[in-house]
Amino acid sequence: MTSEGVVHVIDDDDDVRHSLVFLLSTAGFAVRAYASALAFLDRLEGLQPGCVVSDVRMPGMSGTDLQRRLTIVAPHLPVVIITGHGDVALAVEAMKAGAVDFIEKPFSDEALIGAIEAALARRNGVREPAAQAQAASSDLGQLSARERQVLDGLLKGHANKTIAHDLGISHRTVEVHRANVMSKLGATSLADLVRKALLAGQAGAA
């Protein structure tokens, strides 16, 4: 097995679910699959430890609703959210609720596997939230006023085009500011950027 723990895959699309099970099994993970969030919750008691990979948009209970539920009943299960185009706002909401990462479709096999390995590692990892929050707050202080405005738009789940319209600047200018924000905060992905911004907020509230 590539990493210790079981990957619990939740997706209402049969083809996608089967494809994910095949991919992850081939990569050496132990995998369990569920057609809905409710089906997963029905089997939560006595569940094998690991992590959860869940789609956002599903009937009955969405991935973000599941994330909020797991924060209460199974905080030991890290969650990776899979999101389609236009679902960034929902994914940001999931990150704020405690999801480890979110992967935008279409994603590469390597991106998903990397997110899962990070989630499984984090399950047993020792973190220093106070130190991390202080470092994130310091990085946030490097941003210009315009870069903070772009970051605020990203944290609301807005696309670059929407941010450009709201701020009265060009799409290209937003892309430049976004790249600067990513660089100054040392973020490797939008999910990482959201995580660091939330940590910085915790430091500011302390």
Protein backbone atom coordinates (compact mmCIF):
# COMPACT_ATOMS: atom_id res chain seq x y z
CA MET A 1 0.00 0.00 0.00
CA THR A 2 1.30 3.47 -0.87
CA SER A 3 0.22 4.96 2.49
CA GLU A 4 -1.33 3.62 5.65
CA GLY A 5 -5.10 3.99 5.88
CA VAL A 6 -8.13 3.42 3.70
CA VAL A 7 -9.32 5.93 1.12
CA HIS A 8 -13.11 6.28 1.32
CA VAL A 9 -14.34 7.49 -2.08
CA ILE A 10 -17.79 9.14 -2.24
CA ASP A 11 -19.33 10.05 -5.61
CA ASP A 12 -22.85 9.57 -6.98
CA ASP A 13 -21.56 9.15 -10.56
CA ASP A 14 -20.98 5.42 -11.11
CA ASP A 15 -18.40 5.90 -13.86
CA VAL A 16 -16.40 8.44 -11.88
CA ARG A 17 -16.55 6.34 -8.73
CA HIS A 18 -15.39 3.19 -10.50
CA SER A 19 -12.63 5.13 -12.26
CA LEU A 20 -11.36 6.54 -8.96
CA VAL A 21 -11.42 3.13 -7.31
CA PHE A 22 -9.41 1.65 -10.19
CA LEU A 23 -6.89 4.51 -10.17
CA LEU A 24 -6.30 4.43 -6.43
CA SER A 25 -6.22 0.65 -6.20
CA THR A 26 -3.64 0.57 -8.98
CA ALA A 27 -1.61 3.18 -7.07
CA GLY A 28 -1.53 0.85 -4.07
CA PHE A 29 -4.24 2.32 -1.83
CA ALA A 30 -6.87 0.34 0.01
CA VAL A 31 -10.17 1.81 -1.24
CA ARG A 32 -13.82 1.70 -0.19
CA ALA A 33 -16.49 3.32 -2.37
CA TYR A 34 -19.90 4.81 -1.58
CA ALA A 35 -22.60 6.15 -3.91
CA SER A 36 -23.66 8.93 -1.54
CA ALA A 37 -22.64 10.81 1.58
CA LEU A 38 -25.56 9.28 3.45
CA ALA A 39 -24.44 5.76 2.49
CA PHE A 40 -21.01 6.59 3.86
CA LEU A 41 -22.40 7.97 7.12
CA ASP A 42 -24.51 4.84 7.55
CA ARG A 43 -21.27 2.85 7.76
CA LEU A 44 -19.32 5.38 9.80
CA GLU A 45 -19.38 3.38 13.01
CA GLY A 46 -16.43 1.01 13.05
CA LEU A 47 -15.06 2.52 9.84
CA GLN A 48 -11.44 1.76 9.00
CA PRO A 49 -9.22 4.83 9.57
CA GLY A 50 -7.86 6.76 6.62
CA CYS A 51 -9.21 9.71 4.67
CA VAL A 52 -12.25 10.71 2.63
CA VAL A 53 -12.37 11.78 -1.03
CA SER A 54 -15.75 13.30 -1.81
CA ASP A 55 -17.39 15.07 -4.72
CA VAL A 56 -19.06 18.40 -3.90
CA ARG A 57 -22.34 18.19 -5.77
CA MET A 58 -24.32 15.09 -4.78
CA PRO A 59 -28.03 14.50 -4.13
CA GLY A 60 -29.19 14.12 -0.54
CA MET A 61 -26.10 15.57 1.10
CA SER A 62 -23.38 17.64 -0.58
CA GLY A 63 -19.67 17.22 0.00
CA THR A 64 -19.57 20.44 2.02
CA ASP A 65 -22.48 19.28 4.20
CA LEU A 66 -20.64 15.99 4.73
CA GLN A 67 -17.48 17.87 5.67
CA ARG A 68 -19.32 19.89 8.30
CA ARG A 69 -20.86 16.70 9.67
CA LEU A 70 -17.54 14.88 9.86
CA THR A 71 -15.97 17.80 11.70
CA ILE A 72 -18.35 16.92 14.54
CA VAL A 73 -18.68 13.13 14.40
CA ALA A 74 -15.32 12.05 12.92
CA PRO A 75 -12.72 14.84 13.16
CA HIS A 76 -9.99 12.23 12.78
CA LEU A 77 -10.97 11.67 9.12
CA PRO A 78 -9.27 14.24 6.85
CA VAL A 79 -11.30 15.14 3.76
CA VAL A 80 -10.25 15.90 0.18
CA ILE A 81 -12.96 17.59 -1.88
CA ILE A 82 -13.33 17.09 -5.65
CA THR A 83 -14.92 20.03 -7.41
CA GLY A 84 -16.06 20.80 -10.95
CA HIS A 85 -15.64 24.11 -12.74
CA GLY A 86 -17.78 26.75 -11.08
CA ASP A 87 -17.68 24.96 -7.71
CA VAL A 88 -14.72 26.91 -6.34
CA ALA A 89 -16.94 28.83 -3.90
CA LEU A 90 -18.22 25.54 -2.50
CA ALA A 91 -14.70 24.19 -2.26
CA VAL A 92 -13.54 27.30 -0.37
CA GLU A 93 -16.49 26.77 1.97
CA ALA A 94 -15.31 23.19 2.53
CA MET A 95 -11.79 24.41 3.27
CA LYS A 96 -13.16 26.84 5.84
CA ALA A 97 -15.03 23.90 7.38
CA GLY A 98 -11.77 21.99 7.72
CA ALA A 99 -11.18 20.06 4.48
CA VAL A 100 -7.51 19.23 3.86
CA ASP A 101 -7.55 20.04 0.16
CA PHE A 102 -9.72 20.42 -2.90
CA ILE A 103 -8.96 19.25 -6.42
CA GLU A 104 -10.55 20.94 -9.42
CA LYS A 105 -11.78 18.84 -12.36
CA PRO A 106 -10.28 17.86 -14.65
CA PHE A 107 -7.39 16.86 -12.41
CA SER A 108 -4.30 14.77 -13.05
CA ASP A 109 -3.80 11.40 -11.37
CA GLU A 110 -0.71 12.82 -9.68
CA ALA A 111 -2.63 15.76 -8.18
CA LEU A 112 -5.24 13.52 -6.60
CA ILE A 113 -2.75 10.97 -5.34
CA GLY A 114 -0.60 13.74 -3.88
CA ALA A 115 -3.58 15.24 -2.04
CA ILE A 116 -4.55 11.83 -0.64
CA GLU A 117 -1.01 11.07 0.52
CA ALA A 118 -0.88 14.48 2.24
CA ALA A 119 -4.23 13.81 3.92
CA LEU A 120 -3.15 10.40 5.17
CA ALA A 121 0.17 11.78 6.40
CA ARG A 122 -1.55 14.67 8.16
CA ARG A 123 -3.87 12.26 9.99
CA ASN A 124 -0.94 11.12 12.13
CA GLY A 125 1.21 14.22 11.77
CA VAL A 126 2.19 16.57 14.57
CA ARG A 127 1.24 20.14 13.77
CA GLU A 128 2.19 23.43 15.35
CA PRO A 129 -0.89 25.55 14.57
CA ALA A 130 0.22 28.58 16.62
CA ALA A 131 3.59 28.81 14.87
CA GLN A 132 2.02 28.19 11.47
CA ALA A 133 -0.63 30.83 12.07
CA GLN A 134 1.99 33.40 13.10
CA ALA A 135 4.06 32.69 9.99
CA ALA A 136 0.98 32.96 7.75
CA SER A 137 0.03 36.26 9.41
CA SER A 138 3.53 37.61 8.77
CA ASP A 139 3.35 36.58 5.10
CA LEU A 140 -0.07 38.21 4.78
CA GLY A 141 1.42 41.48 5.97
CA GLN A 142 3.59 41.57 2.83
CA LEU A 143 0.59 42.00 0.54
CA SER A 144 -0.27 45.34 -1.02
CA ALA A 145 -3.77 46.78 -0.64
CA ARG A 146 -4.72 45.61 -4.15
CA GLU A 147 -3.32 42.14 -3.53
CA ARG A 148 -5.42 41.92 -0.36
CA GLN A 149 -8.50 42.82 -2.41
CA VAL A 150 -7.72 40.06 -4.91
CA LEU A 151 -7.16 37.60 -2.05
CA ASP A 152 -10.51 38.59 -0.51
CA GLY A 153 -12.17 37.82 -3.84
CA LEU A 154 -10.49 34.42 -4.02
CA LEU A 155 -11.58 33.60 -0.48
CA LYS A 156 -15.17 34.34 -1.52
CA GLY A 157 -14.78 31.76 -4.27
CA HIS A 158 -14.87 34.32 -7.08
CA ALA A 159 -13.30 33.60 -10.44
CA ASN A 160 -10.60 35.93 -11.82
CA LYS A 161 -13.11 37.45 -14.26
CA THR A 162 -15.51 38.31 -11.42
CA ILE A 163 -12.73 39.82 -9.31
CA ALA A 164 -11.60 41.91 -12.28
CA HIS A 165 -15.14 43.24 -12.78
CA ASP A 166 -15.61 44.02 -9.07
CA LEU A 167 -12.30 45.88 -8.82
CA GLY A 168 -12.52 47.60 -12.20
CA ILE A 169 -9.25 46.15 -13.46
CA SER A 170 -8.31 43.80 -16.30
CA HIS A 171 -8.41 40.03 -16.12
CA ARG A 172 -4.68 39.97 -16.81
CA THR A 173 -3.98 42.35 -13.91
CA VAL A 174 -5.91 40.06 -11.58
CA GLU A 175 -3.80 37.12 -12.78
CA VAL A 176 -0.61 39.06 -11.99
CA HIS A 177 -1.84 40.03 -8.51
CA ARG A 178 -2.99 36.46 -7.88
CA ALA A 179 0.45 35.13 -8.80
CA ASN A 180 2.06 37.69 -6.47
CA VAL A 181 -0.26 36.66 -3.63
CA MET A 182 0.58 32.98 -4.17
CA SER A 183 4.30 33.77 -4.18
CA LYS A 184 4.30 36.01 -1.10
CA LEU A 185 2.28 33.49 0.93
CA GLY A 186 4.33 30.56 -0.36
CA ALA A 187 1.14 28.85 -1.54
CA THR A 188 1.38 25.96 -4.00
CA SER A 189 -2.32 25.81 -4.86
CA LEU A 190 -5.59 27.66 -4.31
CA ALA A 191 -6.39 25.24 -1.49
CA ASP A 192 -3.03 25.97 0.13
CA LEU A 193 -3.69 29.71 -0.25
CA VAL A 194 -7.08 29.40 1.46
CA ARG A 195 -5.51 27.38 4.28
CA LYS A 196 -2.76 29.94 4.88
CA ALA A 197 -5.23 32.85 4.80
CA LEU A 198 -7.44 31.10 7.35
CA LEU A 199 -4.43 30.44 9.58
CA ALA A 200 -3.44 34.10 9.35
CA GLY A 201 -6.96 35.04 10.41
CA GLN A 202 -6.62 32.83 13.47
CA ALA A 203 -3.41 34.60 14.43
CA GLY A 204 -5.05 37.99 14.00
CA ALA A 205 -7.94 36.93 16.24
CA ALA A 206 -5.64 35.63 18.98
